[in-house]
Amino acid sequence: MWLTDTSELVRQLKEKGVSRVALQFPEGLKRHSFRIAKTLKDAGFFVVVSGDPCYGACDLATGLLGYVDVVIHFGHSPLERNPLILYEPFHQDFDLDSLELVIPYFSGKETGFVTTIQHTHMVPAIEAFFSKRNIKCRAYPGTHRTPSPGQILGCSYEAARICPGNEILFIGTGAFHPLGVALATGRKVIALDPYSRSVEVVSAERFLRRRFALIEKAKHAKNFGIILSLKSGQRRQELAERLAGLKREAVVIAMNEVTPEQLLNLGFGAYVNTACPRLAYDDQSRFPVPVLTPGEFEILCGLAKFEDYQIDEIS
């Protein structure tokens, strides 16, 4: 079970002299909340678990500070430094033998690879695996949002951009991240799911067709809501205000949680998302009207061409 040894966490908390702690988990780890909360309670701490949705380190439960001494955020690396926020990583191993499956897909002399935070602890082992086979395949550092070598987020692909060669290996699960790498870099992306042991060369063509159709649909909207997130790691206020100035029919809407019900109740003909980029991409089918990215809104306004499409990222 994950985090069976909490002794180091207990040591840090006692070293800080705190007595009241809050635990914040992303959706996939919330099932561990009671076990860890009970362990810390048995160690003498008052413990409260945040029950709100959590989408990443951009979505910290800072509202609990004041009620508790520190918040322990599980599963992500830090986006901002705050002495009252502790970060507890979540690591997942996989069988390195699955890497053999991608070798036939390599065509260049050198390839970079990227992955998500739960696998970044394996970067040295992955690099050693390829090195033993005389293959140049390594990870590169990203930005302050992705401090671990090879780490990417759904809102930051800098570690992919600086990879050498004409192809990039993505190691992880799901279709969103490798698609994002393809859009951010314009290069061939080889996606390996190390658990299902499936390999796919990612194409962004179908995705781009859907986004083009969405922009065309949004052109018929009579008004636009520019979504401004109030979450610290997603708050792009300057961008939201600039976009609102592009059309007289555009208004900034400040929100904590963006849900289909809220957008339906607000009643705008279309929305532009400056919060977490994945909202516009992953959740579009759930929303009642088009939800565009900032770049797509600029295309709609005639300030950019669709041929120069850029994936939305937070720098």
C-alpha atoms as a PDB file:
ATOM      1  CA  MET A   1       0.000   0.000   0.000  1.00  0.00           C
ATOM      2  CA  TRP A   2       1.139   3.525  -0.781  1.00  0.00           C
ATOM      3  CA  LEU A   3       2.802   5.494   2.019  1.00  0.00           C
ATOM      4  CA  THR A   4       2.804   2.666   4.541  1.00  0.00           C
ATOM      5  CA  ASP A   5       5.735   4.324   6.362  1.00  0.00           C
ATOM      6  CA  THR A   6       4.650   7.743   7.635  1.00  0.00           C
ATOM      7  CA  SER A   7       7.489   8.080  10.149  1.00  0.00           C
ATOM      8  CA  GLU A   8       9.309  10.735   8.099  1.00  0.00           C
ATOM      9  CA  LEU A   9       6.109  12.730   7.710  1.00  0.00           C
ATOM     10  CA  VAL A  10       5.483  12.533  11.465  1.00  0.00           C
ATOM     11  CA  ARG A  11       9.075  13.632  12.094  1.00  0.00           C
ATOM     12  CA  GLN A  12       8.670  16.699   9.842  1.00  0.00           C
ATOM     13  CA  LEU A  13       5.438  17.703  11.535  1.00  0.00           C
ATOM     14  CA  LYS A  14       6.889  17.386  15.035  1.00  0.00           C
ATOM     15  CA  GLU A  15       9.983  19.285  13.924  1.00  0.00           C
ATOM     16  CA  LYS A  16       7.709  22.137  12.832  1.00  0.00           C
ATOM     17  CA  GLY A  17       5.944  22.035  16.190  1.00  0.00           C
ATOM     18  CA  VAL A  18       2.476  21.808  14.639  1.00  0.00           C
ATOM     19  CA  SER A  19      -0.539  20.170  16.230  1.00  0.00           C
ATOM     20  CA  ARG A  20      -3.305  20.605  13.618  1.00  0.00           C
ATOM     21  CA  VAL A  21      -2.882  19.339  10.061  1.00  0.00           C
ATOM     22  CA  ALA A  22      -5.049  19.152   6.938  1.00  0.00           C
ATOM     23  CA  LEU A  23      -4.642  16.451   4.313  1.00  0.00           C
ATOM     24  CA  GLN A  24      -5.362  17.167   0.645  1.00  0.00           C
ATOM     25  CA  PHE A  25      -5.514  14.391  -1.938  1.00  0.00           C
ATOM     26  CA  PRO A  26      -6.105  14.381  -5.695  1.00  0.00           C
ATOM     27  CA  GLU A  27      -9.090  12.351  -6.826  1.00  0.00           C
ATOM     28  CA  GLY A  28      -7.164   9.134  -7.463  1.00  0.00           C
ATOM     29  CA  LEU A  29      -5.654   9.065  -3.968  1.00  0.00           C
ATOM     30  CA  LYS A  30      -8.627  10.092  -1.838  1.00  0.00           C
ATOM     31  CA  ARG A  31      -9.334   6.463  -0.955  1.00  0.00           C
ATOM     32  CA  HIS A  32      -6.171   6.525   1.167  1.00  0.00           C
ATOM     33  CA  SER A  33      -7.339   9.494   3.244  1.00  0.00           C
ATOM     34  CA  PHE A  34      -8.744   7.640   6.258  1.00  0.00           C
ATOM     35  CA  ARG A  35      -5.754   5.323   6.657  1.00  0.00           C
ATOM     36  CA  ILE A  36      -3.249   8.188   6.643  1.00  0.00           C
ATOM     37  CA  ALA A  37      -5.471  10.446   8.739  1.00  0.00           C
ATOM     38  CA  LYS A  38      -5.839   7.751  11.401  1.00  0.00           C
ATOM     39  CA  THR A  39      -2.074   7.151  11.471  1.00  0.00           C
ATOM     40  CA  LEU A  40      -1.394  10.842  12.068  1.00  0.00           C
ATOM     41  CA  LYS A  41      -4.211  11.084  14.610  1.00  0.00           C
ATOM     42  CA  ASP A  42      -2.707   8.143  16.510  1.00  0.00           C
ATOM     43  CA  ALA A  43       0.618  10.046  16.450  1.00  0.00           C
ATOM     44  CA  GLY A  44      -1.032  12.873  18.379  1.00  0.00           C
ATOM     45  CA  PHE A  45      -2.146  15.330  15.684  1.00  0.00           C
ATOM     46  CA  PHE A  46      -5.576  16.802  15.093  1.00  0.00           C
ATOM     47  CA  VAL A  47      -6.377  15.885  11.474  1.00  0.00           C
ATOM     48  CA  VAL A  48      -8.891  17.201   8.963  1.00  0.00           C
ATOM     49  CA  VAL A  49      -9.253  15.877   5.410  1.00  0.00           C
ATOM     50  CA  SER A  50     -10.123  18.253   2.572  1.00  0.00           C
ATOM     51  CA  GLY A  51     -13.197  16.863   0.814  1.00  0.00           C
ATOM     52  CA  ASP A  52     -13.122  19.323  -2.085  1.00  0.00           C
ATOM     53  CA  PRO A  53     -12.007  18.274  -5.571  1.00  0.00           C
ATOM     54  CA  CYS A  54      -8.279  18.617  -6.177  1.00  0.00           C
ATOM     55  CA  TYR A  55      -6.782  18.703  -9.666  1.00  0.00           C
ATOM     56  CA  GLY A  56      -3.111  19.233  -8.896  1.00  0.00           C
ATOM     57  CA  ALA A  57      -0.599  21.393  -7.077  1.00  0.00           C
ATOM     58  CA  CYS A  58      -2.260  24.369  -8.790  1.00  0.00           C
ATOM     59  CA  ASP A  59      -5.290  23.708  -6.593  1.00  0.00           C
ATOM     60  CA  LEU A  60      -4.064  23.971  -3.004  1.00  0.00           C
ATOM     61  CA  ALA A  61      -6.437  23.908  -0.022  1.00  0.00           C
ATOM     62  CA  THR A  62      -5.078  27.198   1.335  1.00  0.00           C
ATOM     63  CA  GLY A  63      -8.521  28.061   2.705  1.00  0.00           C
ATOM     64  CA  LEU A  64      -7.861  25.605   5.522  1.00  0.00           C
ATOM     65  CA  LEU A  65      -4.822  27.534   6.748  1.00  0.00           C
ATOM     66  CA  GLY A  66      -5.833  29.304   9.897  1.00  0.00           C
ATOM     67  CA  TYR A  67      -8.033  26.402  10.893  1.00  0.00           C
ATOM     68  CA  VAL A  68      -4.958  24.145  10.790  1.00  0.00           C
ATOM     69  CA  ASP A  69      -1.243  24.818  11.105  1.00  0.00           C
ATOM     70  CA  VAL A  70      -0.136  23.151   7.848  1.00  0.00           C
ATOM     71  CA  VAL A  71      -1.662  21.531   4.772  1.00  0.00           C
ATOM     72  CA  ILE A  72      -0.111  18.313   3.481  1.00  0.00           C
ATOM     73  CA  HIS A  73      -0.652  18.052  -0.266  1.00  0.00           C
ATOM     74  CA  PHE A  74      -0.281  14.520  -1.617  1.00  0.00           C
ATOM     75  CA  GLY A  75       0.647  13.334  -5.083  1.00  0.00           C
ATOM     76  CA  HIS A  76       2.217  16.359  -6.788  1.00  0.00           C
ATOM     77  CA  SER A  77       5.433  18.357  -6.867  1.00  0.00           C
ATOM     78  CA  PRO A  78       5.282  21.990  -5.663  1.00  0.00           C
ATOM     79  CA  LEU A  79       4.320  24.836  -7.983  1.00  0.00           C
ATOM     80  CA  GLU A  80       4.744  27.469  -5.302  1.00  0.00           C
ATOM     81  CA  ARG A  81       6.806  27.616  -2.136  1.00  0.00           C
ATOM     82  CA  ASN A  82       4.883  28.070   1.067  1.00  0.00           C
ATOM     83  CA  PRO A  83       6.272  26.955   4.448  1.00  0.00           C
ATOM     84  CA  LEU A  84       2.733  26.055   5.521  1.00  0.00           C
ATOM     85  CA  ILE A  85       2.289  23.577   2.636  1.00  0.00           C
ATOM     86  CA  LEU A  86       4.074  20.221   2.763  1.00  0.00           C
ATOM     87  CA  TYR A  87       4.249  18.033  -0.345  1.00  0.00           C
ATOM     88  CA  GLU A  88       4.158  14.257  -0.140  1.00  0.00           C
ATOM     89  CA  PRO A  89       4.961  12.532  -3.471  1.00  0.00           C
ATOM     90  CA  PHE A  90       3.232   9.535  -4.973  1.00  0.00           C
ATOM     91  CA  HIS A  91       5.503   7.189  -6.911  1.00  0.00           C
ATOM     92  CA  GLN A  92       4.551   4.226  -9.086  1.00  0.00           C
ATOM     93  CA  ASP A  93       7.024   1.688 -10.425  1.00  0.00           C
ATOM     94  CA  PHE A  94       6.673  -0.303 -13.617  1.00  0.00           C
ATOM     95  CA  ASP A  95       8.554  -3.157 -15.237  1.00  0.00           C
ATOM     96  CA  LEU A  96      11.482  -1.717 -17.197  1.00  0.00           C
ATOM     97  CA  ASP A  97      11.221  -4.617 -19.637  1.00  0.00           C
ATOM     98  CA  SER A  98       8.207  -2.846 -21.172  1.00  0.00           C
ATOM     99  CA  LEU A  99      10.669  -0.322 -22.632  1.00  0.00           C
ATOM    100  CA  GLU A 100      11.821  -2.976 -25.090  1.00  0.00           C
ATOM    101  CA  LEU A 101       8.522  -2.523 -26.903  1.00  0.00           C
ATOM    102  CA  VAL A 102       9.310   1.013 -28.063  1.00  0.00           C
ATOM    103  CA  ILE A 103      12.774   0.378 -29.500  1.00  0.00           C
ATOM    104  CA  PRO A 104      11.483  -0.707 -32.952  1.00  0.00           C
ATOM    105  CA  TYR A 105       9.666   2.651 -33.199  1.00  0.00           C
ATOM    106  CA  PHE A 106      12.853   4.725 -32.845  1.00  0.00           C
ATOM    107  CA  SER A 107      14.159   6.099 -36.113  1.00  0.00           C
ATOM    108  CA  GLY A 108      16.543   8.874 -35.084  1.00  0.00           C
ATOM    109  CA  LYS A 109      20.000   8.871 -33.532  1.00  0.00           C
ATOM    110  CA  GLU A 110      18.783  10.483 -30.323  1.00  0.00           C
ATOM    111  CA  THR A 111      15.395  10.598 -28.600  1.00  0.00           C
ATOM    112  CA  GLY A 112      14.169  12.374 -25.519  1.00  0.00           C
ATOM    113  CA  PHE A 113      11.513  10.984 -23.205  1.00  0.00           C
ATOM    114  CA  VAL A 114       8.956  12.541 -20.881  1.00  0.00           C
ATOM    115  CA  THR A 115       6.627  11.206 -18.231  1.00  0.00           C
ATOM    116  CA  THR A 116       4.310  12.263 -15.419  1.00  0.00           C
ATOM    117  CA  ILE A 117       5.251  12.951 -11.807  1.00  0.00           C
ATOM    118  CA  GLN A 118       4.513   9.443 -10.507  1.00  0.00           C
ATOM    119  CA  HIS A 119       7.272   7.972 -12.698  1.00  0.00           C
ATOM    120  CA  THR A 120       9.971  10.676 -12.504  1.00  0.00           C
ATOM    121  CA  HIS A 121      11.789   8.797  -9.739  1.00  0.00           C
ATOM    122  CA  MET A 122      12.512   6.118 -12.376  1.00  0.00           C
ATOM    123  CA  VAL A 123      14.247   8.492 -14.820  1.00  0.00           C
ATOM    124  CA  PRO A 124      17.806   7.330 -13.951  1.00  0.00           C
ATOM    125  CA  ALA A 125      16.784   3.678 -14.357  1.00  0.00           C
ATOM    126  CA  ILE A 126      15.074   4.393 -17.692  1.00  0.00           C
ATOM    127  CA  GLU A 127      18.121   6.238 -19.004  1.00  0.00           C
ATOM    128  CA  ALA A 128      20.372   3.377 -17.859  1.00  0.00           C
ATOM    129  CA  PHE A 129      18.114   0.842 -19.606  1.00  0.00           C
ATOM    130  CA  PHE A 130      18.536   2.549 -22.972  1.00  0.00           C
ATOM    131  CA  SER A 131      22.222   3.313 -22.416  1.00  0.00           C
ATOM    132  CA  LYS A 132      22.988  -0.398 -21.930  1.00  0.00           C
ATOM    133  CA  ARG A 133      21.508  -0.951 -25.388  1.00  0.00           C
ATOM    134  CA  ASN A 134      23.568   1.867 -26.917  1.00  0.00           C
ATOM    135  CA  ILE A 135      20.459   3.989 -27.464  1.00  0.00           C
ATOM    136  CA  LYS A 136      20.549   7.711 -26.735  1.00  0.00           C
ATOM    137  CA  CYS A 137      17.309   8.338 -24.923  1.00  0.00           C
ATOM    138  CA  ARG A 138      17.246  10.646 -21.912  1.00  0.00           C
ATOM    139  CA  ALA A 139      15.063  13.114 -20.029  1.00  0.00           C
ATOM    140  CA  TYR A 140      15.594  16.856 -19.769  1.00  0.00           C
ATOM    141  CA  PRO A 141      14.582  19.414 -17.110  1.00  0.00           C
ATOM    142  CA  GLY A 142      11.525  21.556 -17.579  1.00  0.00           C
ATOM    143  CA  THR A 143      10.426  24.742 -15.799  1.00  0.00           C
ATOM    144  CA  HIS A 144       9.542  25.691 -12.226  1.00  0.00           C
ATOM    145  CA  ARG A 145       6.155  24.029 -12.788  1.00  0.00           C
ATOM    146  CA  THR A 146       7.890  20.760 -13.695  1.00  0.00           C
ATOM    147  CA  PRO A 147      11.069  20.640 -11.574  1.00  0.00           C
ATOM    148  CA  SER A 148      11.852  16.940 -12.087  1.00  0.00           C
ATOM    149  CA  PRO A 149      13.770  15.871 -15.232  1.00  0.00           C
ATOM    150  CA  GLY A 150      11.379  14.613 -17.903  1.00  0.00           C
ATOM    151  CA  GLN A 151       8.297  15.784 -16.021  1.00  0.00           C
ATOM    152  CA  ILE A 152       5.350  17.208 -17.934  1.00  0.00           C
ATOM    153  CA  LEU A 153       1.959  18.449 -16.804  1.00  0.00           C
ATOM    154  CA  GLY A 154      -1.266  18.889 -18.702  1.00  0.00           C
ATOM    155  CA  CYS A 155      -0.455  22.609 -18.630  1.00  0.00           C
ATOM    156  CA  SER A 156       3.327  22.532 -19.198  1.00  0.00           C
ATOM    157  CA  TYR A 157       5.337  20.716 -21.898  1.00  0.00           C
ATOM    158  CA  GLU A 158       8.671  22.527 -21.695  1.00  0.00           C
ATOM    159  CA  ALA A 159      10.538  19.311 -20.844  1.00  0.00           C
ATOM    160  CA  ALA A 160       9.298  17.906 -24.172  1.00  0.00           C
ATOM    161  CA  ARG A 161      10.206  20.979 -26.215  1.00  0.00           C
ATOM    162  CA  ILE A 162      13.857  20.840 -25.270  1.00  0.00           C
ATOM    163  CA  CYS A 163      14.202  17.161 -26.166  1.00  0.00           C
ATOM    164  CA  PRO A 164      16.516  16.607 -29.151  1.00  0.00           C
ATOM    165  CA  GLY A 165      15.622  14.796 -32.372  1.00  0.00           C
ATOM    166  CA  ASN A 166      12.452  14.416 -34.397  1.00  0.00           C
ATOM    167  CA  GLU A 167      10.627  12.071 -32.032  1.00  0.00           C
ATOM    168  CA  ILE A 168       9.741  11.958 -28.352  1.00  0.00           C
ATOM    169  CA  LEU A 169       8.870   9.019 -26.135  1.00  0.00           C
ATOM    170  CA  PHE A 170       6.049   9.476 -23.635  1.00  0.00           C
ATOM    171  CA  ILE A 171       5.848   6.959 -20.790  1.00  0.00           C
ATOM    172  CA  GLY A 172       2.587   6.846 -18.883  1.00  0.00           C
ATOM    173  CA  THR A 173      -1.135   6.192 -19.097  1.00  0.00           C
ATOM    174  CA  GLY A 174      -3.921   8.011 -20.903  1.00  0.00           C
ATOM    175  CA  ALA A 175      -4.147   9.852 -24.214  1.00  0.00           C
ATOM    176  CA  PHE A 176      -4.135  13.471 -23.069  1.00  0.00           C
ATOM    177  CA  HIS A 177      -0.453  13.946 -22.209  1.00  0.00           C
ATOM    178  CA  PRO A 178       1.045  12.373 -25.356  1.00  0.00           C
ATOM    179  CA  LEU A 179      -1.434  14.353 -27.466  1.00  0.00           C
ATOM    180  CA  GLY A 180      -0.307  17.495 -25.675  1.00  0.00           C
ATOM    181  CA  VAL A 181       3.329  16.652 -26.395  1.00  0.00           C
ATOM    182  CA  ALA A 182       2.519  16.216 -30.086  1.00  0.00           C
ATOM    183  CA  LEU A 183       0.709  19.565 -30.241  1.00  0.00           C
ATOM    184  CA  ALA A 184       3.350  21.408 -28.219  1.00  0.00           C
ATOM    185  CA  THR A 185       6.307  20.135 -30.220  1.00  0.00           C
ATOM    186  CA  GLY A 186       4.981  19.211 -33.670  1.00  0.00           C
ATOM    187  CA  ARG A 187       7.060  16.045 -33.517  1.00  0.00           C
ATOM    188  CA  LYS A 188       6.399  12.335 -33.726  1.00  0.00           C
ATOM    189  CA  VAL A 189       5.328  11.052 -30.309  1.00  0.00           C
ATOM    190  CA  ILE A 190       5.686   7.410 -29.310  1.00  0.00           C
ATOM    191  CA  ALA A 191       3.382   6.691 -26.361  1.00  0.00           C
ATOM    192  CA  LEU A 192       4.093   3.704 -24.111  1.00  0.00           C
ATOM    193  CA  ASP A 193       1.607   2.573 -21.483  1.00  0.00           C
ATOM    194  CA  PRO A 194       3.927   0.475 -19.293  1.00  0.00           C
ATOM    195  CA  TYR A 195       1.033  -1.299 -17.562  1.00  0.00           C
ATOM    196  CA  SER A 196      -1.026  -2.384 -20.554  1.00  0.00           C
ATOM    197  CA  ARG A 197       2.253  -2.688 -22.519  1.00  0.00           C
ATOM    198  CA  SER A 198       0.679  -0.908 -25.482  1.00  0.00           C
ATOM    199  CA  VAL A 199       2.594   1.381 -27.863  1.00  0.00           C
ATOM    200  CA  GLU A 200       1.015   4.009 -30.110  1.00  0.00           C
ATOM    201  CA  VAL A 201       2.308   6.691 -32.456  1.00  0.00           C
ATOM    202  CA  VAL A 202       0.165   9.683 -31.581  1.00  0.00           C
ATOM    203  CA  SER A 203      -1.599  11.744 -34.227  1.00  0.00           C
ATOM    204  CA  ALA A 204      -3.212  15.100 -33.438  1.00  0.00           C
ATOM    205  CA  GLU A 205      -5.181  15.297 -36.708  1.00  0.00           C
ATOM    206  CA  ARG A 206      -8.546  14.127 -35.354  1.00  0.00           C
ATOM    207  CA  PHE A 207      -8.207  16.333 -32.285  1.00  0.00           C
ATOM    208  CA  LEU A 208      -7.493  19.405 -34.430  1.00  0.00           C
ATOM    209  CA  ARG A 209     -10.521  18.740 -36.617  1.00  0.00           C
ATOM    210  CA  ARG A 210     -12.745  18.720 -33.526  1.00  0.00           C
ATOM    211  CA  ARG A 211     -11.236  21.953 -32.218  1.00  0.00           C
ATOM    212  CA  PHE A 212     -11.689  23.663 -35.597  1.00  0.00           C
ATOM    213  CA  ALA A 213     -15.368  22.664 -35.629  1.00  0.00           C
ATOM    214  CA  LEU A 214     -15.753  24.034 -32.091  1.00  0.00           C
ATOM    215  CA  ILE A 215     -14.293  27.414 -33.076  1.00  0.00           C
ATOM    216  CA  GLU A 216     -16.666  27.571 -36.023  1.00  0.00           C
ATOM    217  CA  LYS A 217     -19.610  26.807 -33.734  1.00  0.00           C
ATOM    218  CA  ALA A 218     -18.506  29.464 -31.246  1.00  0.00           C
ATOM    219  CA  LYS A 219     -18.560  32.115 -33.974  1.00  0.00           C
ATOM    220  CA  HIS A 220     -22.361  32.090 -33.713  1.00  0.00           C
ATOM    221  CA  ALA A 221     -22.338  32.917 -29.980  1.00  0.00           C
ATOM    222  CA  LYS A 222     -23.909  36.248 -29.032  1.00  0.00           C
ATOM    223  CA  ASN A 223     -21.704  36.656 -25.960  1.00  0.00           C
ATOM    224  CA  PHE A 224     -18.602  35.126 -24.342  1.00  0.00           C
ATOM    225  CA  GLY A 225     -17.752  34.386 -20.723  1.00  0.00           C
ATOM    226  CA  ILE A 226     -14.000  34.614 -20.037  1.00  0.00           C
ATOM    227  CA  ILE A 227     -13.412  32.145 -17.197  1.00  0.00           C
ATOM    228  CA  LEU A 228     -10.935  33.397 -14.587  1.00  0.00           C
ATOM    229  CA  SER A 229      -9.903  30.821 -11.994  1.00  0.00           C
ATOM    230  CA  LEU A 230      -9.500  31.997  -8.409  1.00  0.00           C
ATOM    231  CA  LYS A 231      -7.141  29.101  -7.648  1.00  0.00           C
ATOM    232  CA  SER A 232      -3.615  30.341  -7.038  1.00  0.00           C
ATOM    233  CA  GLY A 233      -1.864  28.079  -9.524  1.00  0.00           C
ATOM    234  CA  GLN A 234      -4.418  28.652 -12.294  1.00  0.00           C
ATOM    235  CA  ARG A 235      -5.164  32.359 -11.920  1.00  0.00           C
ATOM    236  CA  ARG A 236      -4.249  34.057 -15.208  1.00  0.00           C
ATOM    237  CA  GLN A 237      -5.849  37.407 -14.506  1.00  0.00           C
ATOM    238  CA  GLU A 238      -3.884  39.482 -17.010  1.00  0.00           C
ATOM    239  CA  LEU A 239      -4.694  37.021 -19.791  1.00  0.00           C
ATOM    240  CA  ALA A 240      -8.407  36.928 -18.907  1.00  0.00           C
ATOM    241  CA  GLU A 241      -8.656  40.712 -18.896  1.00  0.00           C
ATOM    242  CA  ARG A 242      -6.830  41.006 -22.206  1.00  0.00           C
ATOM    243  CA  LEU A 243      -9.138  38.466 -23.848  1.00  0.00           C
ATOM    244  CA  ALA A 244     -12.215  40.252 -22.491  1.00  0.00           C
ATOM    245  CA  GLY A 245     -10.991  43.368 -24.262  1.00  0.00           C
ATOM    246  CA  LEU A 246     -11.029  41.665 -27.672  1.00  0.00           C
ATOM    247  CA  LYS A 247     -14.824  41.716 -27.965  1.00  0.00           C
ATOM    248  CA  ARG A 248     -17.482  44.034 -26.566  1.00  0.00           C
ATOM    249  CA  GLU A 249     -19.620  40.956 -25.939  1.00  0.00           C
ATOM    250  CA  ALA A 250     -16.987  39.332 -23.661  1.00  0.00           C
ATOM    251  CA  VAL A 251     -17.130  39.480 -19.844  1.00  0.00           C
ATOM    252  CA  VAL A 252     -14.736  38.049 -17.213  1.00  0.00           C
ATOM    253  CA  ILE A 253     -16.332  35.444 -14.921  1.00  0.00           C
ATOM    254  CA  ALA A 254     -14.424  34.596 -11.724  1.00  0.00           C
ATOM    255  CA  MET A 255     -14.927  31.009 -10.561  1.00  0.00           C
ATOM    256  CA  ASN A 256     -13.470  28.466  -8.147  1.00  0.00           C
ATOM    257  CA  GLU A 257     -15.034  25.367  -9.685  1.00  0.00           C
ATOM    258  CA  VAL A 258     -16.004  25.194 -13.354  1.00  0.00           C
ATOM    259  CA  THR A 259     -18.896  22.783 -13.852  1.00  0.00           C
ATOM    260  CA  PRO A 260     -21.414  22.219 -16.660  1.00  0.00           C
ATOM    261  CA  GLU A 261     -24.227  23.261 -14.307  1.00  0.00           C
ATOM    262  CA  GLN A 262     -22.575  26.600 -13.533  1.00  0.00           C
ATOM    263  CA  LEU A 263     -21.961  27.384 -17.189  1.00  0.00           C
ATOM    264  CA  LEU A 264     -25.515  26.415 -18.060  1.00  0.00           C
ATOM    265  CA  ASN A 265     -26.908  28.680 -15.330  1.00  0.00           C
ATOM    266  CA  LEU A 266     -24.759  31.619 -16.438  1.00  0.00           C
ATOM    267  CA  GLY A 267     -26.251  31.307 -19.908  1.00  0.00           C
ATOM    268  CA  PHE A 268     -23.433  32.601 -22.114  1.00  0.00           C
ATOM    269  CA  GLY A 269     -23.278  31.466 -25.736  1.00  0.00           C
ATOM    270  CA  ALA A 270     -19.648  30.349 -25.416  1.00  0.00           C
ATOM    271  CA  TYR A 271     -16.809  30.465 -22.899  1.00  0.00           C
ATOM    272  CA  VAL A 272     -13.064  30.990 -22.990  1.00  0.00           C
ATOM    273  CA  ASN A 273     -11.099  29.065 -20.380  1.00  0.00           C
ATOM    274  CA  THR A 274      -8.059  30.640 -18.711  1.00  0.00           C
ATOM    275  CA  ALA A 275      -8.196  28.177 -15.784  1.00  0.00           C
ATOM    276  CA  CYS A 276      -6.713  24.649 -16.006  1.00  0.00           C
ATOM    277  CA  PRO A 277      -6.176  23.969 -19.742  1.00  0.00           C
ATOM    278  CA  ARG A 278      -7.578  20.460 -19.405  1.00  0.00           C
ATOM    279  CA  LEU A 279     -11.059  21.860 -18.774  1.00  0.00           C
ATOM    280  CA  ALA A 280     -11.395  22.984 -22.383  1.00  0.00           C
ATOM    281  CA  TYR A 281      -9.835  19.826 -23.779  1.00  0.00           C
ATOM    282  CA  ASP A 282     -10.932  16.918 -21.594  1.00  0.00           C
ATOM    283  CA  ASP A 283     -14.335  18.143 -20.450  1.00  0.00           C
ATOM    284  CA  GLN A 284     -15.708  19.730 -23.632  1.00  0.00           C
ATOM    285  CA  SER A 285     -18.260  16.976 -24.182  1.00  0.00           C
ATOM    286  CA  ARG A 286     -19.746  17.727 -20.732  1.00  0.00           C
ATOM    287  CA  PHE A 287     -20.258  21.435 -21.340  1.00  0.00           C
ATOM    288  CA  PRO A 288     -23.513  22.786 -22.848  1.00  0.00           C
ATOM    289  CA  VAL A 289     -21.768  25.242 -25.216  1.00  0.00           C
ATOM    290  CA  PRO A 290     -18.281  25.669 -26.740  1.00  0.00           C
ATOM    291  CA  VAL A 291     -15.441  26.249 -24.275  1.00  0.00           C
ATOM    292  CA  LEU A 292     -12.436  27.614 -26.139  1.00  0.00           C
ATOM    293  CA  THR A 293      -8.803  27.983 -25.146  1.00  0.00           C
ATOM    294  CA  PRO A 294      -7.257  31.485 -25.170  1.00  0.00           C
ATOM    295  CA  GLY A 295      -5.477  30.697 -28.439  1.00  0.00           C
ATOM    296  CA  GLU A 296      -8.688  29.456 -30.046  1.00  0.00           C
ATOM    297  CA  PHE A 297     -10.477  32.665 -29.034  1.00  0.00           C
ATOM    298  CA  GLU A 298      -7.715  34.652 -30.704  1.00  0.00           C
ATOM    299  CA  ILE A 299      -8.267  32.575 -33.852  1.00  0.00           C
ATOM    300  CA  LEU A 300     -11.983  33.337 -33.641  1.00  0.00           C
ATOM    301  CA  CYS A 301     -11.168  37.055 -33.299  1.00  0.00           C
ATOM    302  CA  GLY A 302      -8.895  36.937 -36.345  1.00  0.00           C
ATOM    303  CA  LEU A 303      -5.675  37.533 -34.390  1.00  0.00           C
ATOM    304  CA  ALA A 304      -4.156  34.133 -35.201  1.00  0.00           C
ATOM    305  CA  LYS A 305      -4.421  31.429 -37.849  1.00  0.00           C
ATOM    306  CA  PHE A 306      -5.629  27.916 -37.157  1.00  0.00           C
ATOM    307  CA  GLU A 307      -2.649  26.595 -39.139  1.00  0.00           C
ATOM    308  CA  ASP A 308      -0.429  27.939 -36.321  1.00  0.00           C
ATOM    309  CA  TYR A 309      -2.452  26.205 -33.572  1.00  0.00           C
ATOM    310  CA  GLN A 310      -0.750  26.161 -30.160  1.00  0.00           C
ATOM    311  CA  ILE A 311      -1.813  24.052 -27.198  1.00  0.00           C
ATOM    312  CA  ASP A 312      -2.767  26.056 -24.133  1.00  0.00           C
ATOM    313  CA  GLU A 313      -0.141  26.043 -21.383  1.00  0.00           C
ATOM    314  CA  ILE A 314       0.473  27.919 -18.125  1.00  0.00           C
ATOM    315  CA  SER A 315       3.999  29.298 -17.906  1.00  0.00           C
END
